[in-house]
Amino acid sequence: MCGMNRLNKILLISILLLAIVLAIIIWKPSIFASITDKPYYAVYLLSGDLYFGQMSWCRPSILSDARLIQQAQNVEEGQPDFSLVEFKDVFWGPAGDLKLNKNNVLWISRLSDESQVVKLINANN
């Protein structure tokens, strides 16, 4: 009977801890944002293409939520106007994520949360 009381106490404490964690997730999800959010990366290829997205490091490496910079057609006053375009929305209509060939990647850099690109992506989401 003594062992049963100990087991009940452990079970009760476990349920209470689970309830507290669930309450925090429901009322303050931003607390876990840094754990669950995947960072954005810039990927520069030998072709000169620069892509931004979230990396999956499995083989092959995959850039999901990929975007690229596009220059506007109508440039006034000599100031270039740039925008980010989702990879899936480019005119030739690719489907899915961007699978990277490691032999064609010059460099990969993690973008800070303060990056203009990250701010623009988050604003559009």
N, C-alpha and C. Protein backbone atom coordinates (compact mmCIF):
# COMPACT_ATOMS: atom_id res chain seq x y z
N MET A 1 0.82 -1.18 0.00
CA MET A 1 0.00 0.00 0.00
C MET A 1 0.87 1.25 0.00
N CYS A 2 2.03 1.16 0.63
CA CYS A 2 2.94 2.29 0.65
C CYS A 2 3.43 2.61 -0.76
N GLY A 3 3.74 1.57 -1.56
CA GLY A 3 4.19 1.75 -2.94
C GLY A 3 3.11 2.37 -3.80
N MET A 4 1.87 2.05 -3.53
CA MET A 4 0.75 2.59 -4.31
C MET A 4 0.59 4.09 -4.07
N ASN A 5 0.80 4.53 -2.84
CA ASN A 5 0.72 5.95 -2.54
C ASN A 5 1.82 6.72 -3.26
N ARG A 6 3.01 6.15 -3.30
CA ARG A 6 4.13 6.78 -3.99
C ARG A 6 3.85 6.87 -5.49
N LEU A 7 3.31 5.82 -6.07
CA LEU A 7 2.96 5.81 -7.49
C LEU A 7 1.88 6.84 -7.78
N ASN A 8 0.91 6.95 -6.90
CA ASN A 8 -0.15 7.95 -7.08
C ASN A 8 0.41 9.37 -7.01
N LYS A 9 1.35 9.60 -6.11
CA LYS A 9 1.97 10.93 -6.00
C LYS A 9 2.74 11.27 -7.27
N ILE A 10 3.50 10.32 -7.80
CA ILE A 10 4.26 10.55 -9.03
C ILE A 10 3.32 10.82 -10.20
N LEU A 11 2.25 10.06 -10.27
CA LEU A 11 1.27 10.25 -11.33
C LEU A 11 0.59 11.61 -11.20
N LEU A 12 0.23 12.00 -10.01
CA LEU A 12 -0.40 13.30 -9.77
C LEU A 12 0.53 14.45 -10.13
N ILE A 13 1.79 14.36 -9.74
CA ILE A 13 2.77 15.40 -10.06
C ILE A 13 2.98 15.49 -11.57
N SER A 14 3.04 14.36 -12.24
CA SER A 14 3.21 14.33 -13.70
C SER A 14 2.03 14.99 -14.40
N ILE A 15 0.83 14.70 -13.96
CA ILE A 15 -0.37 15.30 -14.55
C ILE A 15 -0.39 16.80 -14.32
N LEU A 16 -0.02 17.24 -13.11
CA LEU A 16 0.02 18.68 -12.82
C LEU A 16 1.06 19.40 -13.68
N LEU A 17 2.24 18.81 -13.84
CA LEU A 17 3.26 19.42 -14.69
C LEU A 17 2.80 19.51 -16.14
N LEU A 18 2.18 18.47 -16.61
CA LEU A 18 1.65 18.47 -17.98
C LEU A 18 0.58 19.54 -18.15
N ALA A 19 -0.28 19.68 -17.16
CA ALA A 19 -1.34 20.70 -17.22
C ALA A 19 -0.73 22.10 -17.23
N ILE A 20 0.32 22.33 -16.45
CA ILE A 20 0.97 23.64 -16.42
C ILE A 20 1.61 23.96 -17.77
N VAL A 21 2.31 22.98 -18.35
CA VAL A 21 2.93 23.19 -19.66
C VAL A 21 1.88 23.48 -20.72
N LEU A 22 0.79 22.74 -20.72
CA LEU A 22 -0.29 22.98 -21.69
C LEU A 22 -0.92 24.35 -21.50
N ALA A 23 -1.09 24.78 -20.26
CA ALA A 23 -1.64 26.11 -20.01
C ALA A 23 -0.72 27.20 -20.54
N ILE A 24 0.58 27.03 -20.35
CA ILE A 24 1.54 28.01 -20.85
C ILE A 24 1.49 28.05 -22.38
N ILE A 25 1.43 26.90 -23.02
CA ILE A 25 1.37 26.84 -24.48
C ILE A 25 0.12 27.54 -25.00
N ILE A 26 -0.99 27.36 -24.32
CA ILE A 26 -2.26 27.97 -24.77
C ILE A 26 -2.26 29.47 -24.54
N TRP A 27 -1.83 29.94 -23.37
CA TRP A 27 -1.95 31.36 -23.04
C TRP A 27 -0.73 32.19 -23.44
N LYS A 28 0.42 31.60 -23.53
CA LYS A 28 1.64 32.34 -23.88
C LYS A 28 2.47 31.55 -24.90
N PRO A 29 1.95 31.35 -26.12
CA PRO A 29 2.70 30.55 -27.10
C PRO A 29 4.01 31.21 -27.53
N SER A 30 4.15 32.52 -27.37
CA SER A 30 5.37 33.20 -27.78
C SER A 30 6.58 32.76 -26.95
N ILE A 31 6.35 32.20 -25.77
CA ILE A 31 7.45 31.70 -24.94
C ILE A 31 8.20 30.60 -25.66
N PHE A 32 7.49 29.77 -26.43
CA PHE A 32 8.11 28.65 -27.12
C PHE A 32 8.45 28.97 -28.57
N ALA A 33 8.27 30.22 -29.00
CA ALA A 33 8.50 30.57 -30.40
C ALA A 33 9.94 30.34 -30.82
N SER A 34 10.90 30.69 -29.96
CA SER A 34 12.30 30.52 -30.34
C SER A 34 12.69 29.06 -30.46
N ILE A 35 11.96 28.18 -29.80
CA ILE A 35 12.25 26.75 -29.88
C ILE A 35 11.65 26.16 -31.14
N THR A 36 10.44 26.56 -31.50
CA THR A 36 9.73 25.95 -32.61
C THR A 36 9.98 26.62 -33.94
N ASP A 37 10.35 27.91 -33.97
CA ASP A 37 10.59 28.61 -35.23
C ASP A 37 11.92 28.18 -35.81
N LYS A 38 11.90 27.88 -37.10
CA LYS A 38 13.13 27.55 -37.79
C LYS A 38 13.74 28.83 -38.32
N PRO A 39 15.05 28.99 -38.19
CA PRO A 39 15.69 30.21 -38.70
C PRO A 39 15.73 30.21 -40.23
N TYR A 40 15.91 31.40 -40.79
CA TYR A 40 16.05 31.56 -42.23
C TYR A 40 17.52 31.63 -42.61
N TYR A 41 17.81 31.15 -43.81
CA TYR A 41 19.18 31.14 -44.33
C TYR A 41 19.21 31.79 -45.70
N ALA A 42 20.37 32.34 -46.04
CA ALA A 42 20.65 32.79 -47.40
C ALA A 42 21.54 31.73 -48.03
N VAL A 43 21.22 31.33 -49.25
CA VAL A 43 22.00 30.32 -49.96
C VAL A 43 22.42 30.92 -51.31
N TYR A 44 23.73 30.97 -51.54
CA TYR A 44 24.26 31.55 -52.77
C TYR A 44 24.85 30.42 -53.62
N LEU A 45 24.38 30.32 -54.86
CA LEU A 45 24.78 29.24 -55.75
C LEU A 45 25.83 29.69 -56.77
N LEU A 46 26.54 28.74 -57.35
CA LEU A 46 27.53 29.03 -58.38
C LEU A 46 26.93 29.80 -59.56
N SER A 47 25.67 29.60 -59.83
CA SER A 47 24.98 30.27 -60.93
C SER A 47 24.78 31.76 -60.68
N GLY A 48 25.03 32.21 -59.44
CA GLY A 48 24.81 33.60 -59.07
C GLY A 48 23.44 33.83 -58.46
N ASP A 49 22.64 32.78 -58.35
CA ASP A 49 21.31 32.89 -57.74
C ASP A 49 21.43 32.92 -56.23
N LEU A 50 20.63 33.77 -55.62
CA LEU A 50 20.60 33.89 -54.16
C LEU A 50 19.19 33.58 -53.70
N TYR A 51 19.06 32.58 -52.83
CA TYR A 51 17.76 32.16 -52.32
C TYR A 51 17.74 32.34 -50.80
N PHE A 52 16.54 32.54 -50.28
CA PHE A 52 16.33 32.65 -48.84
C PHE A 52 15.27 31.64 -48.45
N GLY A 53 15.43 30.99 -47.30
CA GLY A 53 14.43 30.03 -46.86
C GLY A 53 14.88 29.32 -45.60
N GLN A 54 14.15 28.28 -45.25
CA GLN A 54 14.44 27.50 -44.05
C GLN A 54 15.10 26.19 -44.46
N MET A 55 16.26 25.91 -43.88
CA MET A 55 17.06 24.76 -44.27
C MET A 55 16.64 23.49 -43.56
N SER A 56 16.66 22.42 -44.31
CA SER A 56 16.57 21.07 -43.77
C SER A 56 17.89 20.42 -44.13
N TRP A 57 18.63 19.96 -43.13
CA TRP A 57 20.00 19.51 -43.34
C TRP A 57 20.11 18.04 -43.71
N CYS A 58 18.98 17.39 -44.00
CA CYS A 58 19.06 15.99 -44.42
C CYS A 58 19.65 15.93 -45.82
N ARG A 59 19.93 14.73 -46.29
CA ARG A 59 20.47 14.59 -47.65
C ARG A 59 19.36 14.23 -48.59
N PRO A 60 19.10 14.96 -49.67
CA PRO A 60 19.77 16.20 -50.02
C PRO A 60 19.26 17.34 -49.15
N SER A 61 20.06 18.39 -49.04
CA SER A 61 19.63 19.58 -48.30
C SER A 61 18.46 20.22 -49.02
N ILE A 62 17.47 20.65 -48.26
CA ILE A 62 16.25 21.21 -48.84
C ILE A 62 16.02 22.60 -48.25
N LEU A 63 15.72 23.53 -49.13
CA LEU A 63 15.37 24.88 -48.72
C LEU A 63 13.86 25.03 -48.87
N SER A 64 13.15 25.05 -47.74
CA SER A 64 11.69 25.18 -47.79
C SER A 64 11.31 26.64 -47.59
N ASP A 65 10.09 26.98 -47.97
CA ASP A 65 9.61 28.36 -47.92
C ASP A 65 10.61 29.28 -48.63
N ALA A 66 11.14 28.78 -49.76
CA ALA A 66 12.20 29.48 -50.50
C ALA A 66 11.68 30.72 -51.19
N ARG A 67 12.53 31.74 -51.22
CA ARG A 67 12.21 33.01 -51.86
C ARG A 67 13.45 33.52 -52.57
N LEU A 68 13.24 34.38 -53.55
CA LEU A 68 14.34 35.00 -54.26
C LEU A 68 14.03 36.47 -54.48
N ILE A 69 15.09 37.23 -54.73
CA ILE A 69 14.92 38.67 -54.95
C ILE A 69 14.57 38.89 -56.41
N GLN A 70 13.60 39.77 -56.64
CA GLN A 70 13.21 40.13 -57.99
C GLN A 70 13.22 41.65 -58.11
N GLN A 71 13.83 42.13 -59.19
CA GLN A 71 13.87 43.57 -59.42
C GLN A 71 12.64 43.97 -60.21
N ALA A 72 12.04 45.08 -59.80
CA ALA A 72 10.84 45.58 -60.46
C ALA A 72 11.17 46.03 -61.88
N GLN A 73 10.21 45.90 -62.78
CA GLN A 73 10.39 46.28 -64.17
C GLN A 73 10.42 47.79 -64.36
N ASN A 74 9.58 48.50 -63.62
CA ASN A 74 9.50 49.96 -63.75
C ASN A 74 10.35 50.62 -62.67
N VAL A 75 11.53 51.06 -63.09
CA VAL A 75 12.42 51.71 -62.13
C VAL A 75 12.42 53.20 -62.44
N GLU A 76 11.96 53.98 -61.45
CA GLU A 76 11.89 55.43 -61.61
C GLU A 76 13.03 56.09 -60.84
N GLU A 77 13.48 57.21 -61.35
CA GLU A 77 14.48 58.04 -60.69
C GLU A 77 15.78 57.29 -60.42
N GLY A 78 16.07 56.26 -61.18
CA GLY A 78 17.33 55.53 -61.04
C GLY A 78 17.45 54.69 -59.78
N GLN A 79 16.39 54.59 -58.98
CA GLN A 79 16.41 53.79 -57.76
C GLN A 79 15.83 52.41 -58.05
N PRO A 80 16.63 51.36 -57.94
CA PRO A 80 16.07 50.02 -58.18
C PRO A 80 15.07 49.66 -57.08
N ASP A 81 14.05 48.95 -57.46
CA ASP A 81 13.00 48.52 -56.54
C ASP A 81 13.02 47.00 -56.50
N PHE A 82 13.24 46.43 -55.33
CA PHE A 82 13.34 44.99 -55.18
C PHE A 82 12.18 44.45 -54.36
N SER A 83 11.84 43.20 -54.63
CA SER A 83 10.84 42.51 -53.81
C SER A 83 11.24 41.05 -53.67
N LEU A 84 10.68 40.40 -52.68
CA LEU A 84 10.91 38.97 -52.50
C LEU A 84 9.76 38.20 -53.12
N VAL A 85 10.08 37.20 -53.92
CA VAL A 85 9.08 36.39 -54.58
C VAL A 85 9.24 34.96 -54.09
N GLU A 86 8.12 34.32 -53.79
CA GLU A 86 8.19 32.93 -53.37
C GLU A 86 8.64 32.08 -54.55
N PHE A 87 9.51 31.13 -54.29
CA PHE A 87 10.06 30.26 -55.34
C PHE A 87 8.96 29.59 -56.14
N LYS A 88 7.92 29.15 -55.46
CA LYS A 88 6.81 28.45 -56.14
C LYS A 88 6.02 29.37 -57.07
N ASP A 89 6.18 30.69 -56.93
CA ASP A 89 5.41 31.64 -57.73
C ASP A 89 6.17 32.22 -58.92
N VAL A 90 7.41 31.76 -59.16
CA VAL A 90 8.13 32.28 -60.32
C VAL A 90 7.45 31.80 -61.60
N PHE A 91 7.70 32.49 -62.71
CA PHE A 91 6.92 32.30 -63.93
C PHE A 91 6.96 30.88 -64.49
N TRP A 92 8.01 30.11 -64.25
CA TRP A 92 8.08 28.77 -64.81
C TRP A 92 7.41 27.72 -63.93
N GLY A 93 6.87 28.11 -62.80
CA GLY A 93 5.99 27.28 -61.98
C GLY A 93 6.58 26.05 -61.33
N PRO A 94 7.66 26.18 -60.55
CA PRO A 94 8.18 25.00 -59.85
C PRO A 94 7.21 24.53 -58.77
N ALA A 95 7.22 23.23 -58.52
CA ALA A 95 6.37 22.65 -57.47
C ALA A 95 7.26 22.18 -56.33
N GLY A 96 6.89 22.52 -55.14
CA GLY A 96 7.61 22.01 -53.97
C GLY A 96 8.79 22.86 -53.56
N ASP A 97 9.61 22.26 -52.72
CA ASP A 97 10.76 22.95 -52.14
C ASP A 97 11.95 22.90 -53.09
N LEU A 98 13.00 23.61 -52.72
CA LEU A 98 14.21 23.69 -53.52
C LEU A 98 15.23 22.71 -52.95
N LYS A 99 15.55 21.66 -53.71
CA LYS A 99 16.57 20.69 -53.29
C LYS A 99 17.92 21.19 -53.78
N LEU A 100 18.87 21.28 -52.86
CA LEU A 100 20.16 21.86 -53.17
C LEU A 100 21.20 20.78 -53.48
N ASN A 101 21.96 21.01 -54.54
CA ASN A 101 23.10 20.17 -54.87
C ASN A 101 24.31 20.81 -54.20
N LYS A 102 24.91 20.12 -53.25
CA LYS A 102 25.99 20.72 -52.46
C LYS A 102 27.17 21.16 -53.32
N ASN A 103 27.33 20.58 -54.51
CA ASN A 103 28.42 20.97 -55.40
C ASN A 103 28.18 22.32 -56.05
N ASN A 104 26.94 22.81 -56.01
CA ASN A 104 26.61 24.09 -56.63
C ASN A 104 26.42 25.22 -55.62
N VAL A 105 26.65 24.94 -54.36
CA VAL A 105 26.47 25.94 -53.30
C VAL A 105 27.82 26.57 -52.97
N LEU A 106 27.90 27.90 -53.12
CA LEU A 106 29.13 28.61 -52.74
C LEU A 106 29.17 28.86 -51.24
N TRP A 107 28.05 29.35 -50.69
CA TRP A 107 27.99 29.58 -49.25
C TRP A 107 26.55 29.57 -48.77
N ILE A 108 26.43 29.31 -47.47
CA ILE A 108 25.14 29.35 -46.77
C ILE A 108 25.35 30.18 -45.51
N SER A 109 24.44 31.10 -45.24
CA SER A 109 24.56 31.94 -44.05
C SER A 109 23.21 32.04 -43.35
N ARG A 110 23.24 31.84 -42.05
CA ARG A 110 22.02 32.02 -41.25
C ARG A 110 21.72 33.51 -41.16
N LEU A 111 20.45 33.87 -41.31
CA LEU A 111 20.03 35.26 -41.22
C LEU A 111 19.58 35.57 -39.79
N SER A 112 19.93 36.75 -39.31
CA SER A 112 19.51 37.14 -37.96
C SER A 112 18.03 37.51 -37.99
N ASP A 113 17.42 37.50 -36.83
CA ASP A 113 16.01 37.89 -36.72
C ASP A 113 15.81 39.35 -37.09
N GLU A 114 16.87 40.14 -37.04
CA GLU A 114 16.80 41.57 -37.36
C GLU A 114 17.06 41.83 -38.85
N SER A 115 17.30 40.81 -39.62
CA SER A 115 17.55 40.95 -41.05
C SER A 115 16.34 41.55 -41.75
N GLN A 116 16.58 42.45 -42.71
CA GLN A 116 15.50 43.06 -43.48
C GLN A 116 14.72 41.98 -44.24
N VAL A 117 15.43 40.96 -44.72
CA VAL A 117 14.77 39.87 -45.45
C VAL A 117 13.83 39.11 -44.53
N VAL A 118 14.29 38.76 -43.34
CA VAL A 118 13.45 38.03 -42.38
C VAL A 118 12.24 38.86 -41.98
N LYS A 119 12.43 40.13 -41.75
CA LYS A 119 11.32 41.02 -41.40
C LYS A 119 10.28 41.08 -42.53
N LEU A 120 10.76 41.14 -43.77
CA LEU A 120 9.87 41.18 -44.91
C LEU A 120 9.09 39.87 -45.08
N ILE A 121 9.78 38.75 -44.88
CA ILE A 121 9.11 37.44 -44.95
C ILE A 121 8.05 37.33 -43.87
N ASN A 122 8.39 37.70 -42.65
CA ASN A 122 7.45 37.62 -41.54
C ASN A 122 6.26 38.56 -41.74
N ALA A 123 6.51 39.71 -42.33
CA ALA A 123 5.42 40.66 -42.58
C ALA A 123 4.46 40.12 -43.63
N ASN A 124 4.98 39.37 -44.60
CA ASN A 124 4.14 38.81 -45.66
C ASN A 124 3.43 37.54 -45.24
N ASN A 125 3.91 36.91 -44.18
CA ASN A 125 3.25 35.69 -43.68
C ASN A 125 2.09 36.10 -42.82
